[in-house]
Amino acid sequence: MPDKLTAWDKVQIVRDANRPTSLDYIANIFDEFIELHGDRCFSDDKATVCGLARLNDINFTIIAQQKGRSTKENIERNFGMPNPESYRKSIRFMKQAEKFNRPIITFIDTKGAYPGLGAEERGQGEAIARSMLEMSKVKVPIIVIVIGEGSSGGALAIGLGDKILMLENAIYSILSPEGYASILWKDSKRAKEAAEVMKITAQDLLKLNVIDKIIKEPKGGAQTDIKKTAEAIKKEIILEYDALKNIDKNALIELRYEKFRNMGEYIKNK
């Protein structure tokens, strides 16, 4: 059955205040989770959660973008928009994962990296670029899961995985529809129109080879049944890890390189 929801419908679904966050999924997927803090440079940015998780006796490193629900939570989490400290914290735990041979799982859910003056002064662009560089060469399996909004470099910074999975109603794009409309038409009110032409849905991105698989959501979105959605994600994590775990480390890096190289060529020729 063809997907009947428009791209803008999906934008509204992923922005629903009741949509499950990364921590909701972590609690429902893993047998154990220990959060670790700090970038060892400036501070601990709560827009990104990092830590160690266990699933079926396998140890994973988790890097997850985290929004809040209430105003207080959103202020604490910076509305899920990471500062440079988030990416430097992520890099710290990517390297730790490689050292201890732990596979990495990232959860993407952000409107974009925080564009504030302080973030720029502390090297926001460099931190994003460095995160992508480190992900490209870390010698452990990486599974990326887009659970909500995935916008701009803020999302791409933790998006270079061996497998990229996406929830059925999630969105993934170079920037928000409002930002696209503001740049292209000088009118953010045309965001609905922008969403339809940007190819931001999971279905569009699967056709473009940007993602590898779509994870089904319950009718009405993941917020209607978090446990069912978490179980679907859990199943895919186990399946994808089983397919990646025995690949030679050097071959894994080469396959990751070819994946993104081929993705760019495919999109360019479409």
C-alpha atoms as a PDB file:
ATOM      1  CA  MET A   1       0.000   0.000   0.000  1.00  0.00           C
ATOM      2  CA  PRO A   2       1.486   3.385  -0.942  1.00  0.00           C
ATOM      3  CA  ASP A   3       2.307   5.795   1.822  1.00  0.00           C
ATOM      4  CA  LYS A   4      -0.600   8.268   2.111  1.00  0.00           C
ATOM      5  CA  LEU A   5       0.999  10.786   4.438  1.00  0.00           C
ATOM      6  CA  THR A   6       2.562  13.860   2.869  1.00  0.00           C
ATOM      7  CA  ALA A   7       6.053  15.010   3.758  1.00  0.00           C
ATOM      8  CA  TRP A   8       4.549  17.838   5.796  1.00  0.00           C
ATOM      9  CA  ASP A   9       2.346  15.346   7.657  1.00  0.00           C
ATOM     10  CA  LYS A  10       5.509  13.530   8.675  1.00  0.00           C
ATOM     11  CA  VAL A  11       7.132  16.763   9.816  1.00  0.00           C
ATOM     12  CA  GLN A  12       4.182  17.295  12.152  1.00  0.00           C
ATOM     13  CA  ILE A  13       4.369  13.720  13.436  1.00  0.00           C
ATOM     14  CA  VAL A  14       8.060  13.902  14.322  1.00  0.00           C
ATOM     15  CA  ARG A  15       7.562  17.267  16.026  1.00  0.00           C
ATOM     16  CA  ASP A  16       4.765  15.944  18.223  1.00  0.00           C
ATOM     17  CA  ALA A  17       5.681  16.628  21.859  1.00  0.00           C
ATOM     18  CA  ASN A  18       4.749  13.046  22.750  1.00  0.00           C
ATOM     19  CA  ARG A  19       7.037  11.419  20.178  1.00  0.00           C
ATOM     20  CA  PRO A  20       9.521   9.068  21.876  1.00  0.00           C
ATOM     21  CA  THR A  21      12.996  10.460  22.430  1.00  0.00           C
ATOM     22  CA  SER A  22      16.325   8.664  22.274  1.00  0.00           C
ATOM     23  CA  LEU A  23      16.274   7.970  26.008  1.00  0.00           C
ATOM     24  CA  ASP A  24      12.797   6.433  25.690  1.00  0.00           C
ATOM     25  CA  TYR A  25      14.100   4.003  23.072  1.00  0.00           C
ATOM     26  CA  ILE A  26      17.284   3.263  24.988  1.00  0.00           C
ATOM     27  CA  ALA A  27      15.244   2.352  28.067  1.00  0.00           C
ATOM     28  CA  ASN A  28      12.995   0.042  26.058  1.00  0.00           C
ATOM     29  CA  ILE A  29      15.610  -1.607  23.834  1.00  0.00           C
ATOM     30  CA  PHE A  30      18.651  -2.304  25.991  1.00  0.00           C
ATOM     31  CA  ASP A  31      19.027  -4.510  29.032  1.00  0.00           C
ATOM     32  CA  GLU A  32      21.300  -1.994  30.720  1.00  0.00           C
ATOM     33  CA  PHE A  33      22.526   1.545  30.035  1.00  0.00           C
ATOM     34  CA  ILE A  34      25.161   3.656  31.775  1.00  0.00           C
ATOM     35  CA  GLU A  35      25.436   7.284  30.712  1.00  0.00           C
ATOM     36  CA  LEU A  36      28.898   8.836  30.501  1.00  0.00           C
ATOM     37  CA  HIS A  37      29.551  12.571  30.466  1.00  0.00           C
ATOM     38  CA  GLY A  38      31.804  15.322  29.214  1.00  0.00           C
ATOM     39  CA  ASP A  39      34.055  16.150  26.286  1.00  0.00           C
ATOM     40  CA  ARG A  40      37.196  16.538  28.477  1.00  0.00           C
ATOM     41  CA  CYS A  41      37.594  19.974  26.939  1.00  0.00           C
ATOM     42  CA  PHE A  42      34.780  22.382  27.842  1.00  0.00           C
ATOM     43  CA  SER A  43      31.586  20.881  29.277  1.00  0.00           C
ATOM     44  CA  ASP A  44      28.926  18.187  29.107  1.00  0.00           C
ATOM     45  CA  ASP A  45      26.299  19.181  26.520  1.00  0.00           C
ATOM     46  CA  LYS A  46      23.015  17.483  27.360  1.00  0.00           C
ATOM     47  CA  ALA A  47      21.693  17.758  23.793  1.00  0.00           C
ATOM     48  CA  THR A  48      23.638  14.540  23.195  1.00  0.00           C
ATOM     49  CA  VAL A  49      23.591  11.485  25.429  1.00  0.00           C
ATOM     50  CA  CYS A  50      26.521   9.061  25.295  1.00  0.00           C
ATOM     51  CA  GLY A  51      27.082   5.866  27.187  1.00  0.00           C
ATOM     52  CA  LEU A  52      27.459   2.112  27.357  1.00  0.00           C
ATOM     53  CA  ALA A  53      24.586  -0.283  26.731  1.00  0.00           C
ATOM     54  CA  ARG A  54      24.130  -4.028  26.814  1.00  0.00           C
ATOM     55  CA  LEU A  55      21.842  -6.080  24.599  1.00  0.00           C
ATOM     56  CA  ASN A  56      21.855  -9.881  24.544  1.00  0.00           C
ATOM     57  CA  ASP A  57      25.283  -9.904  26.266  1.00  0.00           C
ATOM     58  CA  ILE A  58      26.734  -7.589  23.601  1.00  0.00           C
ATOM     59  CA  ASN A  59      28.226  -4.267  24.737  1.00  0.00           C
ATOM     60  CA  PHE A  60      27.432  -1.225  22.582  1.00  0.00           C
ATOM     61  CA  THR A  61      28.480   2.409  22.649  1.00  0.00           C
ATOM     62  CA  ILE A  62      25.485   4.727  22.332  1.00  0.00           C
ATOM     63  CA  ILE A  63      25.564   8.246  20.898  1.00  0.00           C
ATOM     64  CA  ALA A  64      22.098   9.797  20.899  1.00  0.00           C
ATOM     65  CA  GLN A  65      20.652  13.237  20.298  1.00  0.00           C
ATOM     66  CA  GLN A  66      18.123  14.077  22.970  1.00  0.00           C
ATOM     67  CA  LYS A  67      15.220  16.530  22.970  1.00  0.00           C
ATOM     68  CA  GLY A  68      13.095  17.461  25.946  1.00  0.00           C
ATOM     69  CA  ARG A  69       9.307  17.472  26.340  1.00  0.00           C
ATOM     70  CA  SER A  70       8.559  20.211  28.833  1.00  0.00           C
ATOM     71  CA  THR A  71       9.952  23.727  28.558  1.00  0.00           C
ATOM     72  CA  LYS A  72      12.330  22.981  31.420  1.00  0.00           C
ATOM     73  CA  GLU A  73      13.608  19.806  29.754  1.00  0.00           C
ATOM     74  CA  ASN A  74      14.020  21.520  26.401  1.00  0.00           C
ATOM     75  CA  ILE A  75      16.063  24.311  27.951  1.00  0.00           C
ATOM     76  CA  GLU A  76      18.233  21.732  29.706  1.00  0.00           C
ATOM     77  CA  ARG A  77      18.669  19.788  26.449  1.00  0.00           C
ATOM     78  CA  ASN A  78      19.036  22.952  24.343  1.00  0.00           C
ATOM     79  CA  PHE A  79      15.962  21.825  22.369  1.00  0.00           C
ATOM     80  CA  GLY A  80      18.014  18.901  21.052  1.00  0.00           C
ATOM     81  CA  MET A  81      20.412  21.208  19.168  1.00  0.00           C
ATOM     82  CA  PRO A  82      23.995  20.135  19.912  1.00  0.00           C
ATOM     83  CA  ASN A  83      26.816  22.489  20.769  1.00  0.00           C
ATOM     84  CA  PRO A  84      30.404  21.658  19.723  1.00  0.00           C
ATOM     85  CA  GLU A  85      30.840  19.896  23.062  1.00  0.00           C
ATOM     86  CA  SER A  86      28.294  17.295  21.947  1.00  0.00           C
ATOM     87  CA  TYR A  87      30.356  16.337  18.937  1.00  0.00           C
ATOM     88  CA  ARG A  88      33.619  16.310  20.861  1.00  0.00           C
ATOM     89  CA  LYS A  89      31.984  14.115  23.474  1.00  0.00           C
ATOM     90  CA  SER A  90      30.772  11.843  20.686  1.00  0.00           C
ATOM     91  CA  ILE A  91      34.266  11.628  19.219  1.00  0.00           C
ATOM     92  CA  ARG A  92      35.659  10.738  22.633  1.00  0.00           C
ATOM     93  CA  PHE A  93      33.319   7.773  22.921  1.00  0.00           C
ATOM     94  CA  MET A  94      33.765   6.695  19.293  1.00  0.00           C
ATOM     95  CA  LYS A  95      37.478   6.324  19.996  1.00  0.00           C
ATOM     96  CA  GLN A  96      36.755   4.519  23.235  1.00  0.00           C
ATOM     97  CA  ALA A  97      34.426   2.144  21.371  1.00  0.00           C
ATOM     98  CA  GLU A  98      37.191   1.364  18.903  1.00  0.00           C
ATOM     99  CA  LYS A  99      39.695   0.761  21.702  1.00  0.00           C
ATOM    100  CA  PHE A 100      37.434  -1.759  23.416  1.00  0.00           C
ATOM    101  CA  ASN A 101      35.944  -3.169  20.205  1.00  0.00           C
ATOM    102  CA  ARG A 102      32.382  -2.098  20.954  1.00  0.00           C
ATOM    103  CA  PRO A 103      29.945  -1.523  18.058  1.00  0.00           C
ATOM    104  CA  ILE A 104      28.405   1.950  17.913  1.00  0.00           C
ATOM    105  CA  ILE A 105      24.731   2.864  17.640  1.00  0.00           C
ATOM    106  CA  THR A 106      23.697   6.456  16.997  1.00  0.00           C
ATOM    107  CA  PHE A 107      20.196   7.886  17.343  1.00  0.00           C
ATOM    108  CA  ILE A 108      19.557  10.983  15.230  1.00  0.00           C
ATOM    109  CA  ASP A 109      16.895  13.482  16.305  1.00  0.00           C
ATOM    110  CA  THR A 110      17.749  17.178  15.920  1.00  0.00           C
ATOM    111  CA  LYS A 111      16.610  20.294  14.102  1.00  0.00           C
ATOM    112  CA  GLY A 112      20.275  21.036  13.560  1.00  0.00           C
ATOM    113  CA  ALA A 113      23.438  22.027  15.376  1.00  0.00           C
ATOM    114  CA  TYR A 114      23.023  25.023  17.668  1.00  0.00           C
ATOM    115  CA  PRO A 115      23.802  28.224  15.671  1.00  0.00           C
ATOM    116  CA  GLY A 116      24.566  30.489  18.632  1.00  0.00           C
ATOM    117  CA  LEU A 117      27.536  32.826  18.912  1.00  0.00           C
ATOM    118  CA  GLY A 118      29.194  30.773  21.653  1.00  0.00           C
ATOM    119  CA  ALA A 119      28.904  27.591  19.607  1.00  0.00           C
ATOM    120  CA  GLU A 120      30.540  29.287  16.634  1.00  0.00           C
ATOM    121  CA  GLU A 121      33.300  30.730  18.830  1.00  0.00           C
ATOM    122  CA  ARG A 122      34.050  27.237  20.150  1.00  0.00           C
ATOM    123  CA  GLY A 123      34.322  25.774  16.646  1.00  0.00           C
ATOM    124  CA  GLN A 124      30.942  24.331  15.717  1.00  0.00           C
ATOM    125  CA  GLY A 125      31.846  23.693  12.071  1.00  0.00           C
ATOM    126  CA  GLU A 126      35.176  22.098  12.944  1.00  0.00           C
ATOM    127  CA  ALA A 127      33.556  19.856  15.551  1.00  0.00           C
ATOM    128  CA  ILE A 128      30.968  18.599  13.040  1.00  0.00           C
ATOM    129  CA  ALA A 129      33.602  17.984  10.374  1.00  0.00           C
ATOM    130  CA  ARG A 130      35.892  16.220  12.862  1.00  0.00           C
ATOM    131  CA  SER A 131      33.041  13.991  14.017  1.00  0.00           C
ATOM    132  CA  MET A 132      32.325  12.926  10.439  1.00  0.00           C
ATOM    133  CA  LEU A 133      36.025  12.307   9.802  1.00  0.00           C
ATOM    134  CA  GLU A 134      36.372  10.124  12.894  1.00  0.00           C
ATOM    135  CA  MET A 135      33.230   8.155  12.055  1.00  0.00           C
ATOM    136  CA  SER A 136      34.548   7.474   8.578  1.00  0.00           C
ATOM    137  CA  LYS A 137      37.569   5.627   9.913  1.00  0.00           C
ATOM    138  CA  VAL A 138      36.586   4.075  13.253  1.00  0.00           C
ATOM    139  CA  LYS A 139      37.149   0.319  13.013  1.00  0.00           C
ATOM    140  CA  VAL A 140      33.975  -1.009  14.599  1.00  0.00           C
ATOM    141  CA  PRO A 141      30.484  -1.516  13.139  1.00  0.00           C
ATOM    142  CA  ILE A 142      28.284   1.599  13.196  1.00  0.00           C
ATOM    143  CA  ILE A 143      24.490   1.479  12.988  1.00  0.00           C
ATOM    144  CA  VAL A 144      22.715   4.829  12.529  1.00  0.00           C
ATOM    145  CA  ILE A 145      19.011   5.166  13.339  1.00  0.00           C
ATOM    146  CA  VAL A 146      17.032   8.301  12.415  1.00  0.00           C
ATOM    147  CA  ILE A 147      14.167   8.390  14.918  1.00  0.00           C
ATOM    148  CA  GLY A 148      12.715  11.879  14.420  1.00  0.00           C
ATOM    149  CA  GLU A 149      14.082  15.007  12.816  1.00  0.00           C
ATOM    150  CA  GLY A 150      17.442  14.678  11.124  1.00  0.00           C
ATOM    151  CA  SER A 151      18.434  18.106   9.877  1.00  0.00           C
ATOM    152  CA  SER A 152      21.616  19.716   8.633  1.00  0.00           C
ATOM    153  CA  GLY A 153      25.182  19.044   9.716  1.00  0.00           C
ATOM    154  CA  GLY A 154      23.857  18.569  13.222  1.00  0.00           C
ATOM    155  CA  ALA A 155      22.473  15.225  12.105  1.00  0.00           C
ATOM    156  CA  LEU A 156      25.130  14.331   9.536  1.00  0.00           C
ATOM    157  CA  ALA A 157      27.842  14.641  12.188  1.00  0.00           C
ATOM    158  CA  ILE A 158      26.791  11.317  13.693  1.00  0.00           C
ATOM    159  CA  GLY A 159      25.318   9.844  10.504  1.00  0.00           C
ATOM    160  CA  LEU A 160      28.248   8.068   8.805  1.00  0.00           C
ATOM    161  CA  GLY A 161      27.271   4.500   9.548  1.00  0.00           C
ATOM    162  CA  ASP A 162      27.706   1.116   7.925  1.00  0.00           C
ATOM    163  CA  LYS A 163      23.933   0.808   8.025  1.00  0.00           C
ATOM    164  CA  ILE A 164      21.490   3.719   8.121  1.00  0.00           C
ATOM    165  CA  LEU A 165      18.002   2.881   9.326  1.00  0.00           C
ATOM    166  CA  MET A 166      15.080   5.261   9.523  1.00  0.00           C
ATOM    167  CA  LEU A 167      11.725   5.158  11.247  1.00  0.00           C
ATOM    168  CA  GLU A 168       8.820   5.259   8.818  1.00  0.00           C
ATOM    169  CA  ASN A 169       7.698   8.775   9.745  1.00  0.00           C
ATOM    170  CA  ALA A 170      11.104  10.304  10.441  1.00  0.00           C
ATOM    171  CA  ILE A 171      12.637  12.973   8.204  1.00  0.00           C
ATOM    172  CA  TYR A 172      16.268  13.474   7.133  1.00  0.00           C
ATOM    173  CA  SER A 173      17.517  16.455   5.172  1.00  0.00           C
ATOM    174  CA  ILE A 174      20.167  19.126   4.640  1.00  0.00           C
ATOM    175  CA  LEU A 175      18.134  21.596   6.718  1.00  0.00           C
ATOM    176  CA  SER A 176      14.614  22.152   8.022  1.00  0.00           C
ATOM    177  CA  PRO A 177      11.759  22.913   5.606  1.00  0.00           C
ATOM    178  CA  GLU A 178      11.519  26.382   7.180  1.00  0.00           C
ATOM    179  CA  GLY A 179      15.205  27.000   6.527  1.00  0.00           C
ATOM    180  CA  TYR A 180      14.928  25.737   2.962  1.00  0.00           C
ATOM    181  CA  ALA A 181      11.936  27.988   2.255  1.00  0.00           C
ATOM    182  CA  SER A 182      13.690  30.987   3.808  1.00  0.00           C
ATOM    183  CA  ILE A 183      16.774  30.511   1.644  1.00  0.00           C
ATOM    184  CA  LEU A 184      15.092  29.543  -1.621  1.00  0.00           C
ATOM    185  CA  TRP A 185      11.955  31.697  -1.536  1.00  0.00           C
ATOM    186  CA  LYS A 186      12.765  34.182   1.244  1.00  0.00           C
ATOM    187  CA  ASP A 187       9.579  33.058   2.951  1.00  0.00           C
ATOM    188  CA  SER A 188       9.599  30.547   5.826  1.00  0.00           C
ATOM    189  CA  LYS A 189       5.795  30.322   5.592  1.00  0.00           C
ATOM    190  CA  ARG A 190       6.281  28.143   2.502  1.00  0.00           C
ATOM    191  CA  ALA A 191       7.762  25.372   4.652  1.00  0.00           C
ATOM    192  CA  LYS A 192       4.931  22.987   3.761  1.00  0.00           C
ATOM    193  CA  GLU A 193       5.684  23.438   0.075  1.00  0.00           C
ATOM    194  CA  ALA A 194       9.404  23.042   0.742  1.00  0.00           C
ATOM    195  CA  ALA A 195       8.884  19.757   2.577  1.00  0.00           C
ATOM    196  CA  GLU A 196       7.223  18.264  -0.497  1.00  0.00           C
ATOM    197  CA  VAL A 197      10.127  19.064  -2.843  1.00  0.00           C
ATOM    198  CA  MET A 198      13.062  18.322  -0.525  1.00  0.00           C
ATOM    199  CA  LYS A 199      12.803  14.496  -0.574  1.00  0.00           C
ATOM    200  CA  ILE A 200      13.024  14.291   3.211  1.00  0.00           C
ATOM    201  CA  THR A 201      10.898  11.213   3.898  1.00  0.00           C
ATOM    202  CA  ALA A 202      12.176   7.716   4.559  1.00  0.00           C
ATOM    203  CA  GLN A 203      10.455   6.487   1.417  1.00  0.00           C
ATOM    204  CA  ASP A 204      12.185   9.118  -0.762  1.00  0.00           C
ATOM    205  CA  LEU A 205      15.565   8.519   0.825  1.00  0.00           C
ATOM    206  CA  LEU A 206      15.364   4.763   0.404  1.00  0.00           C
ATOM    207  CA  LYS A 207      14.797   5.300  -3.330  1.00  0.00           C
ATOM    208  CA  LEU A 208      17.833   7.609  -3.411  1.00  0.00           C
ATOM    209  CA  ASN A 209      20.022   5.047  -1.608  1.00  0.00           C
ATOM    210  CA  VAL A 210      20.637   7.505   1.235  1.00  0.00           C
ATOM    211  CA  ILE A 211      19.305   5.016   3.792  1.00  0.00           C
ATOM    212  CA  ASP A 212      19.350   1.226   3.876  1.00  0.00           C
ATOM    213  CA  LYS A 213      16.070   0.304   5.503  1.00  0.00           C
ATOM    214  CA  ILE A 214      12.770   1.699   6.804  1.00  0.00           C
ATOM    215  CA  ILE A 215      11.509   0.586  10.219  1.00  0.00           C
ATOM    216  CA  LYS A 216       7.720   0.463  10.390  1.00  0.00           C
ATOM    217  CA  GLU A 217       5.841   2.532  12.948  1.00  0.00           C
ATOM    218  CA  PRO A 218       2.385   1.929  14.422  1.00  0.00           C
ATOM    219  CA  LYS A 219      -0.473   3.828  12.790  1.00  0.00           C
ATOM    220  CA  GLY A 220      -0.361   7.424  13.993  1.00  0.00           C
ATOM    221  CA  GLY A 221       3.375   7.307  14.674  1.00  0.00           C
ATOM    222  CA  ALA A 222       5.766   5.849  17.215  1.00  0.00           C
ATOM    223  CA  GLN A 223       4.117   7.933  19.938  1.00  0.00           C
ATOM    224  CA  THR A 224       1.042   5.700  19.817  1.00  0.00           C
ATOM    225  CA  ASP A 225       2.988   2.578  20.876  1.00  0.00           C
ATOM    226  CA  ILE A 226       6.565   3.116  21.981  1.00  0.00           C
ATOM    227  CA  LYS A 227       7.096  -0.481  23.057  1.00  0.00           C
ATOM    228  CA  LYS A 228       6.114  -1.846  19.658  1.00  0.00           C
ATOM    229  CA  THR A 229       8.366   0.671  17.907  1.00  0.00           C
ATOM    230  CA  ALA A 230      11.262  -0.055  20.267  1.00  0.00           C
ATOM    231  CA  GLU A 231      10.857  -3.781  19.637  1.00  0.00           C
ATOM    232  CA  ALA A 232      11.030  -3.172  15.877  1.00  0.00           C
ATOM    233  CA  ILE A 233      14.225  -1.136  16.305  1.00  0.00           C
ATOM    234  CA  LYS A 234      15.706  -3.771  18.608  1.00  0.00           C
ATOM    235  CA  LYS A 235      15.066  -6.473  16.030  1.00  0.00           C
ATOM    236  CA  GLU A 236      16.837  -4.456  13.336  1.00  0.00           C
ATOM    237  CA  ILE A 237      19.818  -3.680  15.573  1.00  0.00           C
ATOM    238  CA  ILE A 238      20.352  -7.376  16.235  1.00  0.00           C
ATOM    239  CA  LEU A 239      19.890  -8.253  12.571  1.00  0.00           C
ATOM    240  CA  GLU A 240      22.273  -5.588  11.272  1.00  0.00           C
ATOM    241  CA  TYR A 241      24.919  -6.234  13.902  1.00  0.00           C
ATOM    242  CA  ASP A 242      24.910  -9.942  13.068  1.00  0.00           C
ATOM    243  CA  ALA A 243      25.563  -9.025   9.428  1.00  0.00           C
ATOM    244  CA  LEU A 244      28.437  -6.664  10.305  1.00  0.00           C
ATOM    245  CA  LYS A 245      30.225  -8.308  13.227  1.00  0.00           C
ATOM    246  CA  ASN A 246      32.382 -10.743  11.254  1.00  0.00           C
ATOM    247  CA  ILE A 247      33.567  -8.310   8.579  1.00  0.00           C
ATOM    248  CA  ASP A 248      37.305  -7.643   8.701  1.00  0.00           C
ATOM    249  CA  LYS A 249      38.003  -4.228  10.246  1.00  0.00           C
ATOM    250  CA  ASN A 250      39.911  -2.872   7.270  1.00  0.00           C
ATOM    251  CA  ALA A 251      37.247  -4.180   4.909  1.00  0.00           C
ATOM    252  CA  LEU A 252      34.602  -2.484   7.069  1.00  0.00           C
ATOM    253  CA  ILE A 253      36.283   0.891   6.581  1.00  0.00           C
ATOM    254  CA  GLU A 254      36.585   0.329   2.846  1.00  0.00           C
ATOM    255  CA  LEU A 255      32.931  -0.680   2.547  1.00  0.00           C
ATOM    256  CA  ARG A 256      31.891   2.411   4.506  1.00  0.00           C
ATOM    257  CA  TYR A 257      33.929   4.623   2.198  1.00  0.00           C
ATOM    258  CA  GLU A 258      32.460   3.019  -0.898  1.00  0.00           C
ATOM    259  CA  LYS A 259      28.951   3.302   0.526  1.00  0.00           C
ATOM    260  CA  PHE A 260      29.091   7.086   0.835  1.00  0.00           C
ATOM    261  CA  ARG A 261      31.112   7.533  -2.332  1.00  0.00           C
ATOM    262  CA  ASN A 262      28.539   5.568  -4.308  1.00  0.00           C
ATOM    263  CA  MET A 263      25.672   7.387  -2.590  1.00  0.00           C
ATOM    264  CA  GLY A 264      27.001  10.726  -3.773  1.00  0.00           C
ATOM    265  CA  GLU A 265      27.466   9.483  -7.336  1.00  0.00           C
ATOM    266  CA  TYR A 266      23.957   7.978  -7.389  1.00  0.00           C
ATOM    267  CA  ILE A 267      22.281  11.165  -6.188  1.00  0.00           C
ATOM    268  CA  LYS A 268      24.333  13.334  -8.548  1.00  0.00           C
ATOM    269  CA  ASN A 269      23.189  11.262 -11.522  1.00  0.00           C
ATOM    270  CA  LYS A 270      19.508  11.166 -10.580  1.00  0.00           C
END
